[in-house]
């Protein structure tokens, strides 16, 4: 499944266009490699997603084309959630 579609279906990101934009900005990694919106995601992959100052790491558990809202979280397991400290250059 395409990365942007997985992010939308799993509800890690609400809209596919936003998932595409986030990917194109270099804020998503699959197995420690920067990923594009068209990158393929499969069960067992580890995704890192940067949301502002927060980085979330999840493991893909299953791939489904559509899912209900309450079942979406079963598509992944949250491994780590960490705050990214802003670089000194970010605020100067």
N, C-alpha and C. Protein backbone atom coordinates (compact mmCIF):
# COMPACT_ATOMS: atom_id res chain seq x y z
N UNK A 1 0.85 -1.17 0.00
CA UNK A 1 0.00 0.00 0.00
C UNK A 1 0.90 1.24 0.00
N UNK A 2 0.45 2.27 -0.70
CA UNK A 2 1.20 3.53 -0.72
C UNK A 2 1.23 4.15 0.68
N UNK A 3 2.33 4.81 0.99
CA UNK A 3 2.50 5.44 2.29
C UNK A 3 1.40 6.44 2.59
N UNK A 4 1.08 7.33 1.66
CA UNK A 4 0.08 8.36 1.93
C UNK A 4 -1.29 7.73 2.21
N UNK A 5 -1.62 6.66 1.50
CA UNK A 5 -2.90 5.99 1.75
C UNK A 5 -2.90 5.29 3.10
N UNK A 6 -1.79 4.64 3.47
CA UNK A 6 -1.71 3.98 4.78
C UNK A 6 -1.89 4.99 5.91
N UNK A 7 -1.22 6.13 5.81
CA UNK A 7 -1.33 7.14 6.86
C UNK A 7 -2.77 7.63 7.01
N UNK A 8 -3.48 7.74 5.91
CA UNK A 8 -4.87 8.18 5.95
C UNK A 8 -5.79 7.08 6.49
N UNK A 9 -5.68 5.87 5.95
CA UNK A 9 -6.55 4.77 6.36
C UNK A 9 -6.35 4.42 7.84
N UNK A 10 -5.11 4.48 8.31
CA UNK A 10 -4.81 4.16 9.71
C UNK A 10 -5.14 5.33 10.64
N UNK A 11 -5.44 6.47 10.04
CA UNK A 11 -5.78 7.70 10.75
C UNK A 11 -4.62 8.26 11.57
N UNK A 12 -3.40 7.93 11.16
CA UNK A 12 -2.23 8.60 11.74
C UNK A 12 -2.20 10.04 11.26
N UNK A 13 -2.69 10.28 10.04
CA UNK A 13 -2.89 11.62 9.48
C UNK A 13 -4.29 11.62 8.86
N UNK A 14 -5.06 12.68 9.12
CA UNK A 14 -6.48 12.67 8.76
C UNK A 14 -6.77 12.70 7.26
N UNK A 15 -5.96 13.39 6.49
CA UNK A 15 -6.26 13.54 5.07
C UNK A 15 -5.08 13.05 4.23
N UNK A 16 -5.39 12.43 3.10
CA UNK A 16 -4.35 11.88 2.22
C UNK A 16 -3.48 12.99 1.64
N UNK A 17 -4.08 14.13 1.32
CA UNK A 17 -3.28 15.23 0.77
C UNK A 17 -2.29 15.75 1.80
N UNK A 18 -2.70 15.78 3.07
CA UNK A 18 -1.79 16.21 4.13
C UNK A 18 -0.69 15.17 4.29
N UNK A 19 -1.03 13.89 4.23
CA UNK A 19 -0.03 12.82 4.32
C UNK A 19 0.98 12.94 3.19
N UNK A 20 0.51 13.28 2.00
CA UNK A 20 1.41 13.46 0.86
C UNK A 20 2.34 14.64 1.10
N UNK A 21 1.80 15.75 1.58
CA UNK A 21 2.61 16.94 1.86
C UNK A 21 3.67 16.66 2.92
N UNK A 22 3.28 15.99 4.00
CA UNK A 22 4.21 15.66 5.08
C UNK A 22 5.34 14.78 4.55
N UNK A 23 5.01 13.82 3.71
CA UNK A 23 6.02 12.92 3.12
C UNK A 23 6.98 13.71 2.23
N UNK A 24 6.44 14.59 1.41
CA UNK A 24 7.28 15.38 0.50
C UNK A 24 8.18 16.36 1.25
N UNK A 25 7.82 16.72 2.46
CA UNK A 25 8.65 17.62 3.28
C UNK A 25 9.76 16.86 4.00
N UNK A 26 9.83 15.54 3.82
CA UNK A 26 10.89 14.75 4.44
C UNK A 26 10.65 14.48 5.91
N UNK A 27 9.38 14.40 6.32
CA UNK A 27 9.05 14.22 7.73
C UNK A 27 8.53 12.82 8.04
N UNK A 28 8.70 11.87 7.09
CA UNK A 28 8.29 10.49 7.30
C UNK A 28 9.43 9.58 6.86
N UNK A 29 9.72 8.57 7.70
CA UNK A 29 10.76 7.60 7.39
C UNK A 29 10.18 6.19 7.51
N UNK A 30 10.58 5.33 6.60
CA UNK A 30 10.23 3.91 6.67
C UNK A 30 11.54 3.16 6.90
N UNK A 31 11.61 2.44 8.00
CA UNK A 31 12.81 1.67 8.36
C UNK A 31 14.07 2.54 8.27
N UNK A 32 13.99 3.74 8.85
CA UNK A 32 15.10 4.70 8.92
C UNK A 32 15.54 5.26 7.57
N UNK A 33 14.69 5.18 6.57
CA UNK A 33 14.97 5.80 5.27
C UNK A 33 13.88 6.80 4.97
N UNK A 34 14.27 7.97 4.49
CA UNK A 34 13.28 8.98 4.15
C UNK A 34 12.33 8.41 3.09
N UNK A 35 11.04 8.67 3.27
CA UNK A 35 10.04 8.06 2.39
C UNK A 35 9.25 9.12 1.63
N UNK A 36 8.88 8.78 0.43
CA UNK A 36 8.00 9.61 -0.40
C UNK A 36 6.58 9.09 -0.24
N UNK A 37 5.60 9.89 -0.67
CA UNK A 37 4.20 9.51 -0.56
C UNK A 37 3.91 8.21 -1.31
N UNK A 38 4.63 7.95 -2.37
CA UNK A 38 4.39 6.75 -3.18
C UNK A 38 5.15 5.52 -2.68
N UNK A 39 5.94 5.65 -1.61
CA UNK A 39 6.68 4.51 -1.07
C UNK A 39 5.71 3.42 -0.62
N UNK A 40 6.13 2.17 -0.75
CA UNK A 40 5.30 1.04 -0.36
C UNK A 40 5.48 0.72 1.11
N UNK A 41 4.36 0.53 1.80
CA UNK A 41 4.36 0.15 3.22
C UNK A 41 3.84 -1.27 3.31
N UNK A 42 4.52 -2.08 4.13
CA UNK A 42 4.06 -3.46 4.32
C UNK A 42 4.12 -3.80 5.81
N UNK A 43 3.44 -4.84 6.20
CA UNK A 43 3.41 -5.28 7.59
C UNK A 43 4.84 -5.53 8.07
N UNK A 44 5.15 -5.05 9.28
CA UNK A 44 6.48 -5.21 9.84
C UNK A 44 7.35 -3.99 9.68
N UNK A 45 6.99 -3.07 8.80
CA UNK A 45 7.76 -1.84 8.62
C UNK A 45 7.64 -0.95 9.84
N UNK A 46 8.69 -0.19 10.11
CA UNK A 46 8.70 0.78 11.19
C UNK A 46 8.64 2.18 10.59
N UNK A 47 7.64 2.95 10.98
CA UNK A 47 7.47 4.31 10.47
C UNK A 47 7.79 5.32 11.55
N UNK A 48 8.49 6.38 11.16
CA UNK A 48 8.71 7.53 12.04
C UNK A 48 8.05 8.72 11.36
N UNK A 49 7.22 9.43 12.12
CA UNK A 49 6.49 10.56 11.57
C UNK A 49 6.74 11.76 12.47
N UNK A 50 7.17 12.85 11.86
CA UNK A 50 7.40 14.07 12.63
C UNK A 50 6.19 14.98 12.52
N UNK A 51 5.56 15.23 13.68
CA UNK A 51 4.44 16.16 13.79
C UNK A 51 4.97 17.37 14.56
N UNK A 52 5.32 18.44 13.90
CA UNK A 52 5.84 19.61 14.60
C UNK A 52 7.06 19.25 15.42
N UNK A 53 6.96 19.38 16.75
CA UNK A 53 8.09 19.08 17.64
C UNK A 53 8.01 17.67 18.23
N UNK A 54 7.13 16.83 17.70
CA UNK A 54 6.95 15.47 18.22
C UNK A 54 7.28 14.47 17.13
N UNK A 55 7.98 13.39 17.49
CA UNK A 55 8.26 12.30 16.57
C UNK A 55 7.61 11.04 17.11
N UNK A 56 6.77 10.42 16.29
CA UNK A 56 6.06 9.20 16.67
C UNK A 56 6.63 8.05 15.85
N UNK A 57 6.93 6.94 16.54
CA UNK A 57 7.43 5.74 15.88
C UNK A 57 6.38 4.63 16.04
N UNK A 58 5.98 4.04 14.93
CA UNK A 58 4.99 2.96 14.95
C UNK A 58 5.48 1.79 14.11
N UNK A 59 4.97 0.60 14.43
CA UNK A 59 5.24 -0.58 13.62
C UNK A 59 3.94 -0.94 12.90
N UNK A 60 4.01 -1.17 11.62
CA UNK A 60 2.85 -1.54 10.82
C UNK A 60 2.50 -3.00 11.15
N UNK A 61 1.27 -3.21 11.59
CA UNK A 61 0.83 -4.57 11.97
C UNK A 61 0.07 -5.25 10.83
N UNK A 62 -0.78 -4.48 10.14
CA UNK A 62 -1.54 -5.07 9.05
C UNK A 62 -1.93 -3.99 8.06
N UNK A 63 -2.18 -4.43 6.84
CA UNK A 63 -2.57 -3.54 5.76
C UNK A 63 -3.99 -3.90 5.33
N UNK A 64 -4.88 -2.92 5.38
CA UNK A 64 -6.24 -3.11 4.88
C UNK A 64 -6.61 -1.89 4.04
N UNK A 65 -7.42 -2.09 3.02
CA UNK A 65 -7.77 -0.99 2.12
C UNK A 65 -8.68 0.04 2.77
N UNK A 66 -9.61 -0.42 3.59
CA UNK A 66 -10.51 0.49 4.32
C UNK A 66 -10.72 -0.08 5.71
N UNK A 67 -11.05 0.81 6.63
CA UNK A 67 -11.30 0.36 8.00
C UNK A 67 -12.22 1.34 8.70
N UNK A 68 -12.86 0.87 9.73
CA UNK A 68 -13.69 1.75 10.54
C UNK A 68 -12.81 2.50 11.52
N UNK A 69 -13.31 3.63 11.98
CA UNK A 69 -12.53 4.50 12.85
C UNK A 69 -12.00 3.77 14.08
N UNK A 70 -12.85 2.99 14.74
CA UNK A 70 -12.43 2.32 15.97
C UNK A 70 -11.49 1.13 15.72
N UNK A 71 -11.36 0.69 14.47
CA UNK A 71 -10.46 -0.42 14.14
C UNK A 71 -9.14 0.06 13.54
N UNK A 72 -9.04 1.34 13.24
CA UNK A 72 -7.86 1.88 12.56
C UNK A 72 -6.59 1.71 13.39
N UNK A 73 -6.69 1.89 14.70
CA UNK A 73 -5.49 1.79 15.54
C UNK A 73 -4.92 0.37 15.56
N UNK A 74 -5.68 -0.63 15.12
CA UNK A 74 -5.18 -1.99 15.04
C UNK A 74 -4.24 -2.21 13.87
N UNK A 75 -4.11 -1.21 13.00
CA UNK A 75 -3.22 -1.32 11.86
C UNK A 75 -1.76 -1.09 12.24
N UNK A 76 -1.53 -0.53 13.42
CA UNK A 76 -0.17 -0.22 13.85
C UNK A 76 -0.04 -0.35 15.36
N UNK A 77 1.21 -0.45 15.82
CA UNK A 77 1.52 -0.45 17.24
C UNK A 77 2.42 0.74 17.52
N UNK A 78 2.05 1.55 18.49
CA UNK A 78 2.86 2.70 18.88
C UNK A 78 4.09 2.18 19.63
N UNK A 79 5.26 2.48 19.11
CA UNK A 79 6.51 2.03 19.73
C UNK A 79 7.12 3.11 20.61
N UNK A 80 7.09 4.36 20.11
CA UNK A 80 7.75 5.44 20.84
C UNK A 80 7.16 6.77 20.43
N UNK A 81 7.09 7.67 21.39
CA UNK A 81 6.65 9.04 21.13
C UNK A 81 7.62 9.94 21.87
N UNK A 82 8.30 10.80 21.13
CA UNK A 82 9.32 11.63 21.75
C UNK A 82 9.21 13.08 21.28
N UNK A 83 9.65 13.97 22.15
CA UNK A 83 9.68 15.39 21.79
C UNK A 83 11.00 15.68 21.12
N UNK A 84 10.93 16.45 20.05
CA UNK A 84 12.13 16.87 19.33
C UNK A 84 12.48 18.24 19.86
N UNK A 85 13.67 18.36 20.43
CA UNK A 85 14.11 19.65 20.95
C UNK A 85 14.44 20.57 19.80
N UNK A 86 13.90 21.78 19.81
CA UNK A 86 14.21 22.71 18.71
C UNK A 86 15.70 23.06 18.72
N UNK A 87 16.27 23.11 17.54
CA UNK A 87 17.66 23.53 17.42
C UNK A 87 17.77 25.00 17.78
N UNK A 88 18.94 25.40 18.24
CA UNK A 88 19.13 26.80 18.58
C UNK A 88 18.85 27.70 17.39
N UNK A 89 19.16 27.22 16.20
CA UNK A 89 18.95 28.03 15.00
C UNK A 89 17.46 28.19 14.68
N UNK A 90 16.62 27.27 15.17
CA UNK A 90 15.20 27.34 14.90
C UNK A 90 14.55 28.60 15.48
N UNK A 91 15.04 29.06 16.61
CA UNK A 91 14.39 30.18 17.27
C UNK A 91 15.21 31.47 17.24
N UNK A 92 16.37 31.44 16.63
CA UNK A 92 17.19 32.66 16.56
C UNK A 92 16.87 33.47 15.36
